[in-house]
Amino acid sequence: MNAFTMKNWEEKIVSGTEGSGPRVAYAHATMAYDGVVEGESICDLLLYYAGEGYESGQTTSPSFERFEGKVEGREGTFIVRHEYTFDAKGIASTFAVVPGSGTGELAGLRGTAVMEHGRIALDYEFN
């Protein structure tokens, strides 16, 4: 298990308006990780907020995150592709390491993860 903290979140509407209609927003976030994965990341998200009459309450948002730090003491960078879901109860994400994105000692890193309630369950391996 790994933990992360949100260090910064900047969000702005790119289409639609605040209120009852659907809208799209862009968010730029920075995070710090602690555990098997240690380091910091920059994440860029495209957020969809449903409009009035949408019953589920849950929406999805794609994003890419660039991590810089260590995995099991190996240092380098890599990119993950997220699919976030969020609603009034919180945020969850499934993500995968983008093939070929690892650098340094993280070259060849492959894996997936699930994030819920500020905790991340990782499944990864090195080539």
N, C-alpha and C. Protein backbone atom coordinates (compact mmCIF):
# COMPACT_ATOMS: atom_id res chain seq x y z
N MET A 1 0.85 -1.19 0.00
CA MET A 1 0.00 0.00 0.00
C MET A 1 0.89 1.24 0.00
N ASN A 2 0.44 2.24 -0.65
CA ASN A 2 1.17 3.50 -0.76
C ASN A 2 0.21 4.63 -0.43
N ALA A 3 0.74 5.74 0.06
CA ALA A 3 -0.09 6.90 0.38
C ALA A 3 0.38 8.09 -0.44
N PHE A 4 -0.52 9.04 -0.66
CA PHE A 4 -0.14 10.28 -1.33
C PHE A 4 -0.87 11.44 -0.69
N THR A 5 -0.31 12.62 -0.86
CA THR A 5 -0.98 13.84 -0.42
C THR A 5 -1.01 14.82 -1.59
N MET A 6 -2.11 15.53 -1.69
CA MET A 6 -2.27 16.55 -2.71
C MET A 6 -1.56 17.81 -2.22
N LYS A 7 -0.58 18.28 -2.96
CA LYS A 7 0.15 19.49 -2.57
C LYS A 7 -0.47 20.74 -3.17
N ASN A 8 -1.03 20.61 -4.39
CA ASN A 8 -1.58 21.77 -5.07
C ASN A 8 -2.64 21.31 -6.08
N TRP A 9 -3.69 22.10 -6.23
CA TRP A 9 -4.76 21.81 -7.19
C TRP A 9 -5.23 23.13 -7.78
N GLU A 10 -5.03 23.30 -9.08
CA GLU A 10 -5.49 24.50 -9.80
C GLU A 10 -6.47 24.03 -10.86
N GLU A 11 -7.67 24.56 -10.84
CA GLU A 11 -8.71 24.12 -11.77
C GLU A 11 -9.38 25.33 -12.41
N LYS A 12 -9.69 25.20 -13.71
CA LYS A 12 -10.44 26.24 -14.38
C LYS A 12 -11.39 25.62 -15.41
N ILE A 13 -12.55 26.23 -15.58
CA ILE A 13 -13.54 25.78 -16.55
C ILE A 13 -13.05 26.13 -17.95
N VAL A 14 -13.13 25.16 -18.86
CA VAL A 14 -12.73 25.41 -20.24
C VAL A 14 -13.93 25.39 -21.20
N SER A 15 -15.06 24.84 -20.76
CA SER A 15 -16.26 24.80 -21.58
C SER A 15 -17.47 24.67 -20.67
N GLY A 16 -18.52 25.44 -20.95
CA GLY A 16 -19.70 25.44 -20.09
C GLY A 16 -19.53 26.48 -19.00
N THR A 17 -20.47 26.50 -18.07
CA THR A 17 -20.42 27.48 -16.98
C THR A 17 -20.72 26.80 -15.66
N GLU A 18 -20.28 27.41 -14.60
CA GLU A 18 -20.59 26.93 -13.25
C GLU A 18 -22.11 26.96 -13.07
N GLY A 19 -22.68 25.95 -12.47
CA GLY A 19 -24.12 25.96 -12.23
C GLY A 19 -24.77 24.67 -12.68
N SER A 20 -25.91 24.80 -13.33
CA SER A 20 -26.73 23.62 -13.60
C SER A 20 -26.38 22.86 -14.87
N GLY A 21 -25.66 23.45 -15.80
CA GLY A 21 -25.35 22.78 -17.06
C GLY A 21 -24.08 21.95 -16.98
N PRO A 22 -23.89 21.03 -17.92
CA PRO A 22 -22.65 20.25 -17.95
C PRO A 22 -21.48 21.17 -18.30
N ARG A 23 -20.30 20.83 -17.81
CA ARG A 23 -19.13 21.63 -18.11
C ARG A 23 -17.88 20.74 -18.11
N VAL A 24 -16.85 21.27 -18.73
CA VAL A 24 -15.55 20.61 -18.77
C VAL A 24 -14.55 21.56 -18.14
N ALA A 25 -13.66 21.00 -17.34
CA ALA A 25 -12.63 21.80 -16.68
C ALA A 25 -11.28 21.12 -16.85
N TYR A 26 -10.24 21.91 -16.69
CA TYR A 26 -8.88 21.41 -16.71
C TYR A 26 -8.30 21.62 -15.32
N ALA A 27 -7.59 20.62 -14.80
CA ALA A 27 -6.93 20.76 -13.51
C ALA A 27 -5.46 20.38 -13.64
N HIS A 28 -4.64 21.12 -12.93
CA HIS A 28 -3.21 20.86 -12.85
C HIS A 28 -2.91 20.65 -11.37
N ALA A 29 -2.36 19.49 -11.04
CA ALA A 29 -2.15 19.15 -9.63
C ALA A 29 -0.72 18.67 -9.40
N THR A 30 -0.23 18.86 -8.18
CA THR A 30 1.04 18.28 -7.76
C THR A 30 0.78 17.43 -6.53
N MET A 31 1.46 16.28 -6.46
CA MET A 31 1.25 15.33 -5.36
C MET A 31 2.58 14.82 -4.83
N ALA A 32 2.58 14.40 -3.58
CA ALA A 32 3.74 13.78 -2.95
C ALA A 32 3.35 12.35 -2.57
N TYR A 33 4.26 11.41 -2.80
CA TYR A 33 4.01 9.99 -2.51
C TYR A 33 4.95 9.50 -1.42
N ASP A 34 4.43 8.58 -0.61
CA ASP A 34 5.20 8.01 0.48
C ASP A 34 4.86 6.52 0.59
N GLY A 35 5.88 5.68 0.67
CA GLY A 35 5.69 4.24 0.76
C GLY A 35 6.66 3.54 -0.18
N VAL A 36 6.20 2.48 -0.85
CA VAL A 36 7.03 1.79 -1.83
C VAL A 36 7.41 2.76 -2.95
N VAL A 37 6.47 3.64 -3.29
CA VAL A 37 6.71 4.70 -4.26
C VAL A 37 6.94 5.98 -3.48
N GLU A 38 8.11 6.60 -3.66
CA GLU A 38 8.46 7.84 -2.96
C GLU A 38 8.84 8.90 -3.98
N GLY A 39 8.23 10.06 -3.87
CA GLY A 39 8.59 11.13 -4.78
C GLY A 39 7.45 12.11 -4.97
N GLU A 40 7.53 12.85 -6.06
CA GLU A 40 6.51 13.84 -6.37
C GLU A 40 6.04 13.67 -7.81
N SER A 41 4.87 14.20 -8.09
CA SER A 41 4.34 14.10 -9.45
C SER A 41 3.58 15.36 -9.83
N ILE A 42 3.42 15.50 -11.14
CA ILE A 42 2.58 16.53 -11.72
C ILE A 42 1.51 15.81 -12.53
N CYS A 43 0.26 16.17 -12.30
CA CYS A 43 -0.86 15.49 -12.96
C CYS A 43 -1.73 16.52 -13.67
N ASP A 44 -2.09 16.22 -14.91
CA ASP A 44 -2.97 17.08 -15.69
C ASP A 44 -4.25 16.30 -15.99
N LEU A 45 -5.39 16.87 -15.56
CA LEU A 45 -6.68 16.19 -15.66
C LEU A 45 -7.65 16.97 -16.53
N LEU A 46 -8.48 16.24 -17.26
CA LEU A 46 -9.60 16.82 -17.99
C LEU A 46 -10.85 16.34 -17.26
N LEU A 47 -11.59 17.25 -16.64
CA LEU A 47 -12.71 16.91 -15.77
C LEU A 47 -14.04 17.18 -16.45
N TYR A 48 -14.97 16.26 -16.31
CA TYR A 48 -16.33 16.42 -16.81
C TYR A 48 -17.28 16.50 -15.63
N TYR A 49 -18.02 17.57 -15.55
CA TYR A 49 -19.04 17.72 -14.52
C TYR A 49 -20.40 17.63 -15.19
N ALA A 50 -21.19 16.66 -14.77
CA ALA A 50 -22.51 16.45 -15.39
C ALA A 50 -23.46 17.58 -15.03
N GLY A 51 -24.44 17.76 -15.88
CA GLY A 51 -25.43 18.81 -15.65
C GLY A 51 -26.62 18.31 -14.86
N GLU A 52 -27.56 19.18 -14.69
CA GLU A 52 -28.80 18.89 -13.98
C GLU A 52 -29.51 17.68 -14.60
N GLY A 53 -30.08 16.83 -13.78
CA GLY A 53 -30.81 15.67 -14.26
C GLY A 53 -29.97 14.42 -14.40
N TYR A 54 -28.66 14.52 -14.21
CA TYR A 54 -27.80 13.34 -14.28
C TYR A 54 -27.93 12.61 -12.95
N GLU A 55 -28.49 11.42 -12.99
CA GLU A 55 -28.87 10.71 -11.76
C GLU A 55 -27.74 9.99 -11.04
N SER A 56 -26.76 9.49 -11.76
CA SER A 56 -25.71 8.68 -11.16
C SER A 56 -24.89 9.47 -10.15
N GLY A 57 -24.59 10.71 -10.48
CA GLY A 57 -23.75 11.51 -9.59
C GLY A 57 -22.27 11.27 -9.80
N GLN A 58 -21.89 10.20 -10.53
CA GLN A 58 -20.49 9.87 -10.72
C GLN A 58 -20.07 10.21 -12.16
N THR A 59 -18.91 10.80 -12.32
CA THR A 59 -18.38 11.10 -13.64
C THR A 59 -16.96 10.55 -13.75
N THR A 60 -16.44 10.48 -14.96
CA THR A 60 -15.08 9.99 -15.16
C THR A 60 -14.24 11.07 -15.83
N SER A 61 -12.95 10.99 -15.60
CA SER A 61 -12.02 11.97 -16.14
C SER A 61 -10.69 11.31 -16.45
N PRO A 62 -10.21 11.48 -17.69
CA PRO A 62 -8.89 10.95 -18.03
C PRO A 62 -7.79 11.91 -17.58
N SER A 63 -6.61 11.39 -17.34
CA SER A 63 -5.49 12.26 -16.99
C SER A 63 -4.17 11.53 -17.21
N PHE A 64 -3.11 12.32 -17.25
CA PHE A 64 -1.75 11.80 -17.29
C PHE A 64 -0.99 12.40 -16.12
N GLU A 65 -0.12 11.58 -15.54
CA GLU A 65 0.66 12.01 -14.38
C GLU A 65 2.12 11.64 -14.61
N ARG A 66 3.01 12.60 -14.41
CA ARG A 66 4.45 12.35 -14.53
C ARG A 66 5.05 12.28 -13.13
N PHE A 67 5.57 11.10 -12.81
CA PHE A 67 6.15 10.84 -11.49
C PHE A 67 7.67 10.94 -11.57
N GLU A 68 8.27 11.53 -10.54
CA GLU A 68 9.72 11.58 -10.41
C GLU A 68 10.08 11.17 -9.00
N GLY A 69 10.89 10.11 -8.87
CA GLY A 69 11.27 9.64 -7.54
C GLY A 69 11.78 8.23 -7.58
N LYS A 70 11.35 7.44 -6.59
CA LYS A 70 11.86 6.07 -6.44
C LYS A 70 10.72 5.06 -6.30
N VAL A 71 10.94 3.88 -6.85
CA VAL A 71 10.08 2.72 -6.64
C VAL A 71 11.00 1.61 -6.14
N GLU A 72 10.75 1.13 -4.92
CA GLU A 72 11.62 0.13 -4.28
C GLU A 72 13.08 0.58 -4.30
N GLY A 73 13.32 1.87 -4.11
CA GLY A 73 14.68 2.40 -4.07
C GLY A 73 15.29 2.67 -5.43
N ARG A 74 14.63 2.27 -6.51
CA ARG A 74 15.12 2.55 -7.86
C ARG A 74 14.64 3.93 -8.28
N GLU A 75 15.56 4.74 -8.80
CA GLU A 75 15.23 6.14 -9.09
C GLU A 75 15.03 6.39 -10.58
N GLY A 76 14.09 7.29 -10.89
CA GLY A 76 13.83 7.68 -12.27
C GLY A 76 12.49 8.37 -12.39
N THR A 77 11.94 8.35 -13.59
CA THR A 77 10.64 8.95 -13.86
C THR A 77 9.78 7.97 -14.65
N PHE A 78 8.46 8.18 -14.64
CA PHE A 78 7.55 7.43 -15.51
C PHE A 78 6.23 8.18 -15.59
N ILE A 79 5.43 7.81 -16.57
CA ILE A 79 4.12 8.42 -16.80
C ILE A 79 3.05 7.36 -16.54
N VAL A 80 1.97 7.78 -15.89
CA VAL A 80 0.80 6.90 -15.74
C VAL A 80 -0.41 7.55 -16.40
N ARG A 81 -1.29 6.72 -16.91
CA ARG A 81 -2.55 7.16 -17.51
C ARG A 81 -3.66 6.77 -16.54
N HIS A 82 -4.40 7.76 -16.04
CA HIS A 82 -5.48 7.55 -15.08
C HIS A 82 -6.84 7.57 -15.76
N GLU A 83 -7.77 6.92 -15.12
CA GLU A 83 -9.20 7.13 -15.39
C GLU A 83 -9.82 7.36 -14.02
N TYR A 84 -10.03 8.63 -13.70
CA TYR A 84 -10.60 9.00 -12.41
C TYR A 84 -12.12 8.90 -12.44
N THR A 85 -12.70 8.53 -11.31
CA THR A 85 -14.13 8.67 -11.10
C THR A 85 -14.28 9.51 -9.83
N PHE A 86 -15.27 10.35 -9.82
CA PHE A 86 -15.48 11.17 -8.63
C PHE A 86 -16.95 11.48 -8.47
N ASP A 87 -17.34 11.58 -7.22
CA ASP A 87 -18.71 11.94 -6.88
C ASP A 87 -18.69 12.59 -5.49
N ALA A 88 -19.84 12.77 -4.91
CA ALA A 88 -19.93 13.42 -3.60
C ALA A 88 -19.20 12.63 -2.51
N LYS A 89 -19.00 11.33 -2.70
CA LYS A 89 -18.35 10.49 -1.70
C LYS A 89 -16.83 10.54 -1.76
N GLY A 90 -16.27 10.96 -2.91
CA GLY A 90 -14.82 11.03 -3.02
C GLY A 90 -14.31 10.71 -4.41
N ILE A 91 -13.01 10.45 -4.47
CA ILE A 91 -12.31 10.22 -5.73
C ILE A 91 -11.73 8.80 -5.72
N ALA A 92 -11.77 8.15 -6.88
CA ALA A 92 -11.12 6.86 -7.07
C ALA A 92 -10.45 6.88 -8.44
N SER A 93 -9.46 6.03 -8.65
CA SER A 93 -8.78 5.99 -9.93
C SER A 93 -8.22 4.61 -10.19
N THR A 94 -8.26 4.22 -11.45
CA THR A 94 -7.49 3.07 -11.91
C THR A 94 -6.47 3.64 -12.87
N PHE A 95 -5.26 3.12 -12.83
CA PHE A 95 -4.26 3.65 -13.74
C PHE A 95 -3.23 2.60 -14.11
N ALA A 96 -2.52 2.91 -15.20
CA ALA A 96 -1.48 2.02 -15.72
C ALA A 96 -0.27 2.84 -16.11
N VAL A 97 0.90 2.25 -15.91
CA VAL A 97 2.14 2.87 -16.37
C VAL A 97 2.11 2.86 -17.90
N VAL A 98 2.41 4.00 -18.52
CA VAL A 98 2.48 4.08 -19.98
C VAL A 98 3.70 3.29 -20.44
N PRO A 99 3.50 2.28 -21.30
CA PRO A 99 4.64 1.46 -21.75
C PRO A 99 5.75 2.30 -22.34
N GLY A 100 6.99 2.00 -21.93
CA GLY A 100 8.16 2.69 -22.45
C GLY A 100 8.43 4.05 -21.84
N SER A 101 7.64 4.47 -20.85
CA SER A 101 7.82 5.82 -20.28
C SER A 101 8.84 5.89 -19.15
N GLY A 102 9.27 4.75 -18.62
CA GLY A 102 10.22 4.76 -17.51
C GLY A 102 11.60 5.21 -17.94
N THR A 103 12.27 5.98 -17.06
CA THR A 103 13.64 6.42 -17.32
C THR A 103 14.53 6.03 -16.14
N GLY A 104 15.84 6.12 -16.36
CA GLY A 104 16.79 5.81 -15.30
C GLY A 104 16.61 4.36 -14.84
N GLU A 105 16.65 4.17 -13.53
CA GLU A 105 16.48 2.82 -12.98
C GLU A 105 15.04 2.33 -13.06
N LEU A 106 14.11 3.19 -13.50
CA LEU A 106 12.71 2.80 -13.66
C LEU A 106 12.38 2.43 -15.11
N ALA A 107 13.39 2.40 -15.98
CA ALA A 107 13.17 1.94 -17.35
C ALA A 107 12.67 0.51 -17.30
N GLY A 108 11.67 0.20 -18.10
CA GLY A 108 11.10 -1.15 -18.11
C GLY A 108 10.02 -1.37 -17.07
N LEU A 109 9.69 -0.36 -16.29
CA LEU A 109 8.62 -0.49 -15.30
C LEU A 109 7.29 -0.71 -16.00
N ARG A 110 6.52 -1.68 -15.52
CA ARG A 110 5.17 -1.95 -16.00
C ARG A 110 4.29 -2.10 -14.78
N GLY A 111 3.01 -1.75 -14.91
CA GLY A 111 2.14 -1.98 -13.78
C GLY A 111 0.82 -1.25 -13.86
N THR A 112 -0.03 -1.59 -12.90
CA THR A 112 -1.34 -0.99 -12.75
C THR A 112 -1.57 -0.70 -11.27
N ALA A 113 -2.57 0.11 -11.00
CA ALA A 113 -2.88 0.43 -9.60
C ALA A 113 -4.32 0.88 -9.49
N VAL A 114 -4.82 0.83 -8.27
CA VAL A 114 -6.15 1.33 -7.93
C VAL A 114 -5.97 2.27 -6.75
N MET A 115 -6.57 3.46 -6.86
CA MET A 115 -6.47 4.45 -5.80
C MET A 115 -7.87 4.73 -5.26
N GLU A 116 -7.99 4.64 -3.94
CA GLU A 116 -9.24 5.00 -3.26
C GLU A 116 -8.89 5.56 -1.89
N HIS A 117 -9.60 6.60 -1.48
CA HIS A 117 -9.48 7.18 -0.15
C HIS A 117 -8.04 7.54 0.22
N GLY A 118 -7.27 8.05 -0.75
CA GLY A 118 -5.91 8.49 -0.47
C GLY A 118 -4.89 7.38 -0.34
N ARG A 119 -5.26 6.15 -0.64
CA ARG A 119 -4.35 5.01 -0.58
C ARG A 119 -4.29 4.37 -1.96
N ILE A 120 -3.13 3.82 -2.30
CA ILE A 120 -2.92 3.22 -3.61
C ILE A 120 -2.45 1.79 -3.44
N ALA A 121 -3.14 0.86 -4.12
CA ALA A 121 -2.73 -0.54 -4.17
C ALA A 121 -2.03 -0.76 -5.51
N LEU A 122 -0.74 -1.13 -5.48
CA LEU A 122 0.09 -1.25 -6.66
C LEU A 122 0.31 -2.69 -7.07
N ASP A 123 0.37 -2.92 -8.37
CA ASP A 123 0.76 -4.21 -8.94
C ASP A 123 1.73 -3.89 -10.06
N TYR A 124 3.02 -4.11 -9.85
CA TYR A 124 4.02 -3.69 -10.83
C TYR A 124 5.16 -4.69 -10.89
N GLU A 125 5.95 -4.54 -11.97
CA GLU A 125 7.15 -5.35 -12.14
C GLU A 125 8.13 -4.62 -13.04
N PHE A 126 9.38 -5.03 -13.00
CA PHE A 126 10.40 -4.48 -13.87
C PHE A 126 10.78 -5.53 -14.91
N ASN A 127 11.02 -5.09 -16.15
CA ASN A 127 11.48 -6.02 -17.21
C ASN A 127 12.89 -6.46 -16.91
